[in-house]
Amino acid sequence: MAKPLRVTWIIGATSGVGRASALALAGADRHLVLSGRREAELRAVADEVASLGGSADVLAVDASDQKAMDAATRAVATDHGDVAELLFSAGLNVPKRAWAGLRMPEFQAVVATNLTAAAGAIAGVLPGMRRRGAGRVVVVSSWAGWTYGRGAGVAYSASKTALKSLTESLNDQEGPGGVSACLLCPGDIDTPLIDNRPVVPTREQRDKMLTPEDVARAVRFVFEMPRHVAINELVISPIESHSYGR
C-alpha cells in the first residue's frame, strides 16, 4: 500500500520565497497546495512543480480576507485532507514607512497581511494537525522581526516582530501534541517586494542579497527535521550586508 503524501500548503506561492519553496519541496512524498491572490501565476508555479516530478493544486485566495481564508481552509481539508506542513510566506510593505508619513489604512493593510493573516492560516490548519498528532509551520518573518530594522517601517516592523510571539505561543501550547513552528527571519532578499522601498535597490545591491532559493533551502531544512525536533527561530542574512530584510 502506497504511503499517503504529505499535504503542504504554501500561502504566498506566486513569487519570491513561496514560489522557490514550492520548487524546493517538489517531490514524490508531498502534495502541494499553492495559494496567493494571482491564479495565473500560481498555475505557472504548479506547472514548474510538475516538471520537477511533484504534484500541486492551485487555490487562489487573498490571505488578508478572513472569510475567504476560512472557505479556503475548508476546501483544502475536503479536497486533500489534513495539512501536514504550512508555509506562510505572504508579505506586504508600503513605500511610506516613517511615522511622519504614516497612514492608518496602509498600516492596517500591512498588519492584516503580515500578522493577522498568518494567525488565521495557522488557526485554520491546527485542528487537522492535532488529529494527525504532528504538524510543522514555517512563518517567513524578516530580519526586522528578529531585531530592529532601520528603514523597514513602522507597520512592517511591528507586524513582523509580533510573529515571534505568535510562533512561540504555538510551540508552547501545541508542542506537546506534536506541532512545531519556526520563525524564519531572512535579511535582504531579492524579491519583488523590495520594489516598494522608498529607494529601490540597484542591480549591484540586489546581487549581494539573498536569493529566494537560499531561503527556500532553509524552509526545506525545517520541514525535513525529525518529528521530535523544533527549529523555533532561524535567522539568515547575506554575508556582505546585515540589514532589515524583504
Protein backbone atom coordinates (compact mmCIF):
# COMPACT_ATOMS: atom_id res chain seq x y z
CA MET A 1 0.00 0.00 0.00
CA ALA A 2 1.44 3.37 -1.01
CA LYS A 3 2.31 5.78 1.74
CA PRO A 4 0.00 8.83 1.64
CA LEU A 5 1.54 12.08 0.51
CA ARG A 6 2.14 14.85 2.99
CA VAL A 7 -0.10 17.81 2.26
CA THR A 8 1.91 21.03 2.27
CA TRP A 9 0.02 24.32 1.99
CA ILE A 10 2.07 27.28 0.79
CA ILE A 11 0.42 30.67 1.22
CA GLY A 12 2.18 33.35 -0.80
CA ALA A 13 3.29 30.96 -3.53
CA THR A 14 3.07 33.25 -6.55
CA SER A 15 6.64 34.55 -6.37
CA GLY A 16 9.70 35.04 -4.18
CA VAL A 17 10.24 32.70 -1.25
CA GLY A 18 6.87 30.98 -1.67
CA ARG A 19 7.50 30.04 -5.29
CA ALA A 20 11.10 28.99 -4.61
CA SER A 21 9.95 26.85 -1.68
CA ALA A 22 7.34 25.13 -3.84
CA LEU A 23 10.09 24.12 -6.26
CA ALA A 24 12.43 23.07 -3.44
CA LEU A 25 9.70 20.89 -1.91
CA ALA A 26 8.52 19.34 -5.18
CA GLY A 27 8.84 15.57 -4.99
CA ALA A 28 7.14 12.24 -4.73
CA ASP A 29 6.48 12.48 -0.97
CA ARG A 30 4.46 15.70 -0.91
CA HIS A 31 1.35 17.15 -2.48
CA LEU A 32 1.48 20.94 -2.57
CA VAL A 33 -1.45 23.32 -2.35
CA LEU A 34 -0.39 26.70 -3.74
CA SER A 35 -2.23 29.83 -2.62
CA GLY A 36 -1.94 33.52 -3.36
CA ARG A 37 -4.01 36.22 -4.97
CA ARG A 38 -2.97 35.72 -8.61
CA GLU A 39 -4.27 32.48 -10.07
CA ALA A 40 -2.36 32.66 -13.36
CA GLU A 41 0.97 32.96 -11.56
CA LEU A 42 0.03 30.10 -9.23
CA ARG A 43 -0.75 27.86 -12.20
CA ALA A 44 2.64 28.65 -13.68
CA VAL A 45 4.30 27.58 -10.40
CA ALA A 46 2.21 24.40 -10.34
CA ASP A 47 3.45 23.60 -13.85
CA GLU A 48 7.04 24.08 -12.68
CA VAL A 49 6.42 21.74 -9.74
CA ALA A 50 5.01 19.11 -12.12
CA SER A 51 8.07 19.43 -14.37
CA LEU A 52 10.19 18.51 -11.34
CA GLY A 53 8.17 15.37 -10.67
CA GLY A 54 5.97 16.82 -7.95
CA SER A 55 2.24 17.41 -7.69
CA ALA A 56 0.47 20.65 -6.88
CA ASP A 57 -3.02 22.12 -6.90
CA VAL A 58 -3.90 25.79 -7.05
CA LEU A 59 -6.23 27.60 -4.65
CA ALA A 60 -6.29 31.34 -5.25
CA VAL A 61 -7.15 33.36 -2.14
CA ASP A 62 -6.34 36.70 -0.53
CA ALA A 63 -4.79 35.73 2.81
CA SER A 64 -5.88 39.02 4.39
CA ASP A 65 -9.56 38.21 3.71
CA GLN A 66 -10.51 36.01 6.66
CA LYS A 67 -13.83 34.84 5.22
CA ALA A 68 -12.06 33.79 2.03
CA MET A 69 -9.37 32.04 4.08
CA ASP A 70 -11.98 30.17 6.10
CA ALA A 71 -13.50 28.91 2.85
CA ALA A 72 -10.05 28.01 1.51
CA THR A 73 -9.22 26.06 4.66
CA ARG A 74 -12.42 24.04 4.32
CA ALA A 75 -11.66 23.40 0.65
CA VAL A 76 -8.16 22.14 1.41
CA ALA A 77 -9.47 19.79 4.11
CA THR A 78 -12.23 18.47 1.85
CA ASP A 79 -10.07 18.01 -1.24
CA HIS A 80 -6.76 16.96 0.30
CA GLY A 81 -7.22 16.02 3.94
CA ASP A 82 -5.33 17.34 6.94
CA VAL A 83 -2.43 19.69 6.28
CA ALA A 84 0.92 18.33 7.50
CA GLU A 85 3.02 21.41 6.71
CA LEU A 86 2.11 25.07 6.41
CA LEU A 87 4.38 27.71 4.92
CA PHE A 88 3.13 31.25 5.37
CA SER A 89 5.13 33.46 3.03
CA ALA A 90 2.68 36.23 2.18
CA GLY A 91 4.03 39.69 2.91
CA LEU A 92 3.28 43.35 2.35
CA ASN A 93 5.09 46.64 2.83
CA VAL A 94 4.45 50.17 1.63
CA PRO A 95 6.72 52.99 0.43
CA LYS A 96 5.66 55.44 3.20
CA ARG A 97 7.29 53.85 6.22
CA ALA A 98 8.21 56.59 8.70
CA TRP A 99 5.94 57.98 11.40
CA ALA A 100 5.94 61.27 9.51
CA GLY A 101 4.15 59.69 6.57
CA LEU A 102 2.07 57.12 8.44
CA ARG A 103 -1.40 56.45 7.05
CA MET A 104 -3.60 54.19 9.15
CA PRO A 105 -5.29 52.39 6.24
CA GLU A 106 -1.83 51.41 4.97
CA PHE A 107 -0.75 50.40 8.47
CA GLN A 108 -3.83 48.20 8.85
CA ALA A 109 -3.29 46.60 5.44
CA VAL A 110 0.30 45.66 6.30
CA VAL A 111 -0.70 44.21 9.68
CA ALA A 112 -3.63 42.35 8.11
CA THR A 113 -1.35 40.60 5.62
CA ASN A 114 1.77 40.05 7.70
CA LEU A 115 0.29 39.20 11.09
CA THR A 116 -3.47 38.68 11.18
CA ALA A 117 -3.49 36.50 8.06
CA ALA A 118 -0.69 34.35 9.47
CA ALA A 119 -2.67 33.79 12.68
CA GLY A 120 -5.78 32.92 10.68
CA ALA A 121 -3.92 30.45 8.48
CA ILE A 122 -2.38 28.68 11.47
CA ALA A 123 -5.70 28.53 13.29
CA GLY A 124 -7.26 27.01 10.18
CA VAL A 125 -4.84 24.08 9.90
CA LEU A 126 -4.37 23.37 13.61
CA PRO A 127 -7.38 21.06 14.04
CA GLY A 128 -6.04 18.75 11.33
CA MET A 129 -2.53 18.81 12.77
CA ARG A 130 -3.94 17.90 16.17
CA ARG A 131 -5.78 14.97 14.60
CA ARG A 132 -2.55 13.81 12.96
CA GLY A 133 -0.58 14.25 16.16
CA ALA A 134 2.03 16.13 14.14
CA GLY A 135 2.48 19.27 12.07
CA ARG A 136 5.01 21.89 11.08
CA VAL A 137 4.51 25.57 10.49
CA VAL A 138 7.07 27.92 8.97
CA VAL A 139 6.31 31.63 9.05
CA VAL A 140 8.51 33.89 6.95
CA SER A 141 9.24 36.94 9.05
CA SER A 142 12.24 39.21 8.49
CA TRP A 143 15.47 40.48 9.92
CA ALA A 144 13.16 43.26 11.14
CA GLY A 145 11.17 40.64 13.02
CA TRP A 146 14.28 39.44 14.84
CA THR A 147 15.81 42.80 15.73
CA TYR A 148 15.09 46.42 14.97
CA GLY A 149 15.42 47.11 11.26
CA ARG A 150 16.01 50.73 10.38
CA GLY A 151 14.09 51.56 7.23
CA ALA A 152 11.71 48.61 7.42
CA GLY A 153 8.88 50.86 8.50
CA VAL A 154 6.54 51.26 11.43
CA ALA A 155 3.85 48.83 10.27
CA TYR A 156 6.20 46.25 8.81
CA SER A 157 8.49 46.14 11.85
CA ALA A 158 5.58 45.94 14.27
CA SER A 159 3.81 43.18 12.35
CA LYS A 160 6.94 41.10 11.78
CA THR A 161 8.11 41.45 15.39
CA ALA A 162 4.72 40.22 16.64
CA LEU A 163 5.17 36.99 14.69
CA LYS A 164 7.72 35.86 17.27
CA SER A 165 5.04 35.77 19.97
CA LEU A 166 2.68 34.06 17.53
CA THR A 167 5.06 31.20 16.78
CA GLU A 168 6.43 30.81 20.30
CA SER A 169 2.92 30.56 21.75
CA LEU A 170 2.19 27.86 19.18
CA ASN A 171 5.29 25.90 20.21
CA ASP A 172 4.44 26.31 23.89
CA GLN A 173 0.80 25.29 23.65
CA GLU A 174 0.78 22.80 20.77
CA GLY A 175 4.27 21.28 21.06
CA PRO A 176 3.08 18.50 23.40
CA GLY A 177 0.69 17.46 20.62
CA GLY A 178 3.46 17.22 18.03
CA VAL A 179 3.03 20.63 16.36
CA SER A 180 6.02 22.93 15.93
CA ALA A 181 6.56 26.35 14.41
CA CYS A 182 9.63 28.09 13.02
CA LEU A 183 10.02 31.84 12.73
CA LEU A 184 12.24 32.31 9.69
CA CYS A 185 13.98 35.70 9.73
CA PRO A 186 15.84 36.48 6.49
CA GLY A 187 17.84 39.59 5.76
CA ASP A 188 17.60 41.30 2.39
CA ILE A 189 16.12 39.07 -0.32
CA ASP A 190 15.99 39.98 -3.98
CA THR A 191 12.21 39.68 -4.44
CA PRO A 192 9.54 41.91 -6.00
CA LEU A 193 8.65 43.21 -2.52
CA ILE A 194 11.77 45.37 -2.37
CA ASP A 195 10.44 47.36 -5.32
CA ASN A 196 8.19 49.02 -2.73
CA ARG A 197 11.13 50.55 -0.89
CA PRO A 198 11.33 54.35 -0.86
CA VAL A 199 14.64 53.99 -2.70
CA VAL A 200 14.64 50.90 -4.92
CA PRO A 201 17.93 48.98 -4.66
CA THR A 202 20.27 48.95 -7.63
CA ARG A 203 21.17 45.81 -9.54
CA GLU A 204 24.56 45.81 -7.83
CA GLN A 205 22.88 45.94 -4.41
CA ARG A 206 20.44 43.18 -5.35
CA ASP A 207 23.29 40.92 -6.40
CA LYS A 208 24.58 40.96 -2.81
CA MET A 209 21.22 39.97 -1.33
CA LEU A 210 19.88 36.55 -0.52
CA THR A 211 18.00 34.81 -3.29
CA PRO A 212 14.56 33.25 -2.76
CA GLU A 213 16.22 29.89 -3.38
CA ASP A 214 18.58 30.46 -0.43
CA VAL A 215 15.62 30.90 1.90
CA ALA A 216 13.73 28.01 0.31
CA ARG A 217 16.59 25.68 1.28
CA ALA A 218 16.05 26.73 4.89
CA VAL A 219 12.32 26.05 4.61
CA ARG A 220 13.01 22.54 3.36
CA PHE A 221 15.58 22.03 6.12
CA VAL A 222 12.97 22.84 8.77
CA PHE A 223 10.26 20.70 7.21
CA GLU A 224 12.60 17.71 6.97
CA MET A 225 13.74 17.72 10.59
CA PRO A 226 12.78 14.65 12.64
CA ARG A 227 9.36 14.97 14.21
CA HIS A 228 10.75 15.42 17.72
CA VAL A 229 12.90 18.42 16.68
CA ALA A 230 11.67 22.01 16.67
CA ILE A 231 13.59 24.83 14.99
CA ASN A 232 12.00 27.69 16.87
CA GLU A 233 13.79 30.52 15.10
CA LEU A 234 16.18 30.73 12.18
CA VAL A 235 17.99 33.90 11.13
CA ILE A 236 19.63 34.13 7.69
CA SER A 237 21.46 37.10 6.23
CA PRO A 238 23.56 37.93 3.18
CA ILE A 239 27.20 37.72 4.18
CA GLU A 240 28.08 41.18 2.85
CA SER A 241 25.15 43.04 4.35
CA HIS A 242 23.19 42.79 7.60
CA SER A 243 20.00 44.76 7.12
CA TYR A 244 16.31 44.64 7.67
CA GLY A 245 15.18 42.19 5.01
CA ARG A 246 12.43 41.76 2.45
